[in-house]
């Protein structure tokens, strides 16, 4: 869903409604293994950073939830050196 040849890109919108449609050989579906692998890698990086630094991006929404996540990570994996 949301990928394929029928989804053009209007680079000059709103000046022009012309759509650029091309089919480069390196395209893949949205639910392809490449996207799943990248998402998993980024999630692992975020969790590692939270464990190591004691802060996550969750602190933007809730400091209490951020502390809970960091405490859980450190209880599971130990306190970083």
N, C-alpha and C. Protein backbone atom coordinates (compact mmCIF):
# COMPACT_ATOMS: atom_id res chain seq x y z
N UNK A 1 0.83 -1.17 0.00
CA UNK A 1 0.00 0.00 0.00
C UNK A 1 0.89 1.25 0.00
N UNK A 2 0.63 2.16 -0.89
CA UNK A 2 1.39 3.39 -0.92
C UNK A 2 2.67 3.30 -1.72
N UNK A 3 2.86 2.23 -2.46
CA UNK A 3 4.05 2.12 -3.28
C UNK A 3 3.65 1.57 -4.65
N UNK A 4 4.56 1.66 -5.57
CA UNK A 4 4.28 1.16 -6.91
C UNK A 4 4.39 2.26 -7.94
N UNK A 5 4.12 1.90 -9.16
CA UNK A 5 4.29 2.83 -10.28
C UNK A 5 3.21 3.90 -10.33
N UNK A 6 2.05 3.68 -9.72
CA UNK A 6 0.95 4.64 -9.81
C UNK A 6 1.13 5.83 -8.86
N UNK A 7 2.13 5.79 -8.02
CA UNK A 7 2.35 6.86 -7.04
C UNK A 7 3.48 7.76 -7.54
N UNK A 8 3.10 8.83 -8.21
CA UNK A 8 4.09 9.77 -8.70
C UNK A 8 4.44 10.78 -7.63
N UNK A 9 5.41 11.63 -7.92
CA UNK A 9 5.84 12.68 -7.00
C UNK A 9 5.69 14.02 -7.70
N UNK A 10 4.92 14.92 -7.08
CA UNK A 10 4.71 16.26 -7.65
C UNK A 10 5.76 17.20 -7.05
N UNK A 11 6.92 17.23 -7.66
CA UNK A 11 8.03 18.03 -7.13
C UNK A 11 7.77 19.53 -7.17
N UNK A 12 6.99 20.00 -8.13
CA UNK A 12 6.76 21.43 -8.29
C UNK A 12 5.40 21.88 -7.75
N UNK A 13 4.72 21.03 -6.99
CA UNK A 13 3.44 21.41 -6.41
C UNK A 13 3.64 22.53 -5.42
N UNK A 14 2.86 23.55 -5.34
CA UNK A 14 1.58 23.80 -5.98
C UNK A 14 1.68 24.54 -7.31
N UNK A 15 2.88 24.88 -7.74
CA UNK A 15 3.02 25.60 -9.01
C UNK A 15 2.58 24.74 -10.19
N UNK A 16 2.80 23.45 -10.10
CA UNK A 16 2.43 22.55 -11.18
C UNK A 16 1.94 21.24 -10.59
N UNK A 17 0.93 20.69 -11.19
CA UNK A 17 0.41 19.40 -10.72
C UNK A 17 1.03 18.23 -11.50
N UNK A 18 2.03 18.52 -12.31
CA UNK A 18 2.68 17.47 -13.08
C UNK A 18 3.34 16.47 -12.13
N UNK A 19 3.14 15.20 -12.41
CA UNK A 19 3.68 14.14 -11.55
C UNK A 19 4.87 13.48 -12.25
N UNK A 20 5.92 13.24 -11.49
CA UNK A 20 7.07 12.51 -12.00
C UNK A 20 6.85 11.04 -11.68
N UNK A 21 6.82 10.23 -12.71
CA UNK A 21 6.65 8.79 -12.53
C UNK A 21 7.85 8.09 -13.16
N UNK A 22 8.50 7.31 -12.35
CA UNK A 22 9.62 6.53 -12.87
C UNK A 22 9.67 5.21 -12.11
N UNK A 23 10.40 4.28 -12.61
CA UNK A 23 10.54 2.97 -11.97
C UNK A 23 12.01 2.60 -11.89
N UNK A 24 12.75 3.23 -11.00
CA UNK A 24 14.15 2.84 -10.84
C UNK A 24 14.25 1.39 -10.36
N UNK A 25 15.31 0.70 -10.68
CA UNK A 25 15.43 -0.71 -10.33
C UNK A 25 15.65 -0.96 -8.84
N UNK A 26 15.94 0.07 -8.05
CA UNK A 26 16.25 -0.12 -6.64
C UNK A 26 15.04 0.07 -5.72
N UNK A 27 13.84 0.22 -6.24
CA UNK A 27 12.65 0.41 -5.41
C UNK A 27 12.24 -0.90 -4.76
N UNK A 28 11.65 -0.80 -3.54
CA UNK A 28 11.07 -1.98 -2.89
C UNK A 28 9.79 -1.56 -2.21
N UNK A 29 8.97 -2.54 -1.84
CA UNK A 29 7.69 -2.28 -1.19
C UNK A 29 7.92 -1.71 0.21
N UNK A 30 6.90 -1.08 0.75
CA UNK A 30 7.02 -0.48 2.09
C UNK A 30 7.22 -1.51 3.18
N UNK A 31 6.67 -2.69 3.02
CA UNK A 31 6.81 -3.72 4.05
C UNK A 31 7.91 -4.73 3.70
N UNK A 32 8.86 -4.33 2.91
CA UNK A 32 9.95 -5.22 2.51
C UNK A 32 10.95 -5.40 3.66
N UNK A 33 11.78 -6.42 3.56
CA UNK A 33 12.73 -6.72 4.64
C UNK A 33 13.71 -5.58 4.88
N UNK A 34 14.00 -4.80 3.84
CA UNK A 34 14.94 -3.69 4.02
C UNK A 34 14.39 -2.67 5.03
N UNK A 35 13.12 -2.34 4.91
CA UNK A 35 12.52 -1.37 5.83
C UNK A 35 12.40 -1.95 7.24
N UNK A 36 12.08 -3.23 7.35
CA UNK A 36 12.00 -3.88 8.66
C UNK A 36 13.37 -3.90 9.32
N UNK A 37 14.41 -4.20 8.54
CA UNK A 37 15.77 -4.24 9.09
C UNK A 37 16.22 -2.85 9.56
N UNK A 38 15.95 -1.82 8.78
CA UNK A 38 16.33 -0.46 9.15
C UNK A 38 15.57 -0.03 10.40
N UNK A 39 14.27 -0.32 10.47
CA UNK A 39 13.48 0.04 11.65
C UNK A 39 14.00 -0.67 12.90
N UNK A 40 14.33 -1.96 12.77
CA UNK A 40 14.87 -2.71 13.91
C UNK A 40 16.21 -2.16 14.37
N UNK A 41 17.05 -1.83 13.42
CA UNK A 41 18.36 -1.26 13.75
C UNK A 41 18.23 0.09 14.47
N UNK A 42 17.35 0.94 13.97
CA UNK A 42 17.15 2.24 14.61
C UNK A 42 16.53 2.10 16.00
N UNK A 43 15.61 1.16 16.17
CA UNK A 43 15.02 0.94 17.49
C UNK A 43 16.08 0.45 18.47
N UNK A 44 16.93 -0.46 18.03
CA UNK A 44 18.01 -0.94 18.89
C UNK A 44 18.96 0.20 19.25
N UNK A 45 19.25 1.08 18.31
CA UNK A 45 20.12 2.23 18.58
C UNK A 45 19.50 3.17 19.60
N UNK A 46 18.21 3.42 19.50
CA UNK A 46 17.51 4.29 20.45
C UNK A 46 17.52 3.67 21.84
N UNK A 47 17.26 2.36 21.94
CA UNK A 47 17.27 1.70 23.25
C UNK A 47 18.68 1.68 23.84
N UNK A 48 19.69 1.41 23.01
CA UNK A 48 21.07 1.43 23.50
C UNK A 48 21.44 2.82 24.02
N UNK A 49 21.05 3.84 23.28
CA UNK A 49 21.34 5.20 23.69
C UNK A 49 20.65 5.53 25.01
N UNK A 50 19.43 5.08 25.18
CA UNK A 50 18.71 5.30 26.43
C UNK A 50 19.38 4.60 27.60
N UNK A 51 19.86 3.38 27.36
CA UNK A 51 20.56 2.63 28.40
C UNK A 51 21.87 3.32 28.76
N UNK A 52 22.63 3.73 27.76
CA UNK A 52 23.95 4.30 27.97
C UNK A 52 23.90 5.71 28.57
N UNK A 53 23.04 6.56 28.04
CA UNK A 53 23.01 7.97 28.45
C UNK A 53 22.00 8.27 29.56
N UNK A 54 21.06 7.34 29.79
CA UNK A 54 20.06 7.58 30.83
C UNK A 54 18.94 8.49 30.40
N UNK A 55 18.79 8.70 29.10
CA UNK A 55 17.74 9.55 28.55
C UNK A 55 17.27 8.96 27.24
N UNK A 56 15.98 9.08 26.97
CA UNK A 56 15.44 8.65 25.68
C UNK A 56 14.63 9.80 25.08
N UNK A 57 14.17 9.62 23.86
CA UNK A 57 13.33 10.65 23.24
C UNK A 57 11.97 10.72 23.91
N UNK A 58 11.64 9.73 24.71
CA UNK A 58 10.37 9.72 25.43
C UNK A 58 10.27 10.86 26.44
N UNK A 59 11.42 11.39 26.86
CA UNK A 59 11.40 12.49 27.83
C UNK A 59 10.72 13.73 27.27
N UNK A 60 10.61 13.85 25.97
CA UNK A 60 9.89 14.97 25.37
C UNK A 60 8.41 14.94 25.72
N UNK A 61 7.87 13.74 25.89
CA UNK A 61 6.45 13.59 26.21
C UNK A 61 6.21 13.43 27.70
N UNK A 62 7.09 12.66 28.38
CA UNK A 62 6.87 12.37 29.79
C UNK A 62 8.17 11.98 30.47
N UNK A 63 8.61 12.80 31.40
CA UNK A 63 9.84 12.48 32.13
C UNK A 63 9.68 11.23 32.99
N UNK A 64 8.48 11.04 33.53
CA UNK A 64 8.21 9.88 34.36
C UNK A 64 8.32 8.59 33.53
N UNK A 65 7.73 8.60 32.35
CA UNK A 65 7.81 7.43 31.47
C UNK A 65 9.25 7.21 31.01
N UNK A 66 9.98 8.28 30.75
CA UNK A 66 11.38 8.17 30.35
C UNK A 66 12.20 7.49 31.45
N UNK A 67 12.01 7.93 32.70
CA UNK A 67 12.72 7.31 33.82
C UNK A 67 12.38 5.83 33.94
N UNK A 68 11.11 5.50 33.73
CA UNK A 68 10.69 4.10 33.82
C UNK A 68 11.37 3.24 32.76
N UNK A 69 11.47 3.76 31.54
CA UNK A 69 12.13 3.02 30.46
C UNK A 69 13.61 2.84 30.76
N UNK A 70 14.27 3.90 31.20
CA UNK A 70 15.70 3.83 31.50
C UNK A 70 15.95 2.87 32.67
N UNK A 71 15.13 2.95 33.70
CA UNK A 71 15.29 2.04 34.84
C UNK A 71 15.09 0.59 34.42
N UNK A 72 14.12 0.35 33.56
CA UNK A 72 13.87 -1.01 33.07
C UNK A 72 15.06 -1.52 32.25
N UNK A 73 15.59 -0.67 31.37
CA UNK A 73 16.75 -1.07 30.56
C UNK A 73 17.96 -1.38 31.45
N UNK A 74 18.17 -0.53 32.44
CA UNK A 74 19.34 -0.71 33.31
C UNK A 74 19.15 -1.88 34.26
N UNK A 75 17.91 -2.17 34.66
CA UNK A 75 17.66 -3.36 35.49
C UNK A 75 17.90 -4.64 34.68
N UNK A 76 17.57 -4.59 33.40
CA UNK A 76 17.72 -5.77 32.55
C UNK A 76 19.16 -5.97 32.10
N UNK A 77 19.85 -4.90 31.72
CA UNK A 77 21.18 -5.01 31.13
C UNK A 77 22.29 -4.49 32.01
N UNK A 78 21.98 -4.00 33.18
CA UNK A 78 23.01 -3.48 34.09
C UNK A 78 23.29 -2.02 33.84
N UNK A 79 24.02 -1.43 34.75
CA UNK A 79 24.38 -0.01 34.64
C UNK A 79 25.65 0.11 33.80
N UNK A 80 25.65 1.00 32.80
CA UNK A 80 26.82 1.11 31.92
C UNK A 80 28.03 1.64 32.67
N UNK A 81 29.20 1.23 32.19
CA UNK A 81 30.45 1.67 32.82
C UNK A 81 30.81 3.07 32.41
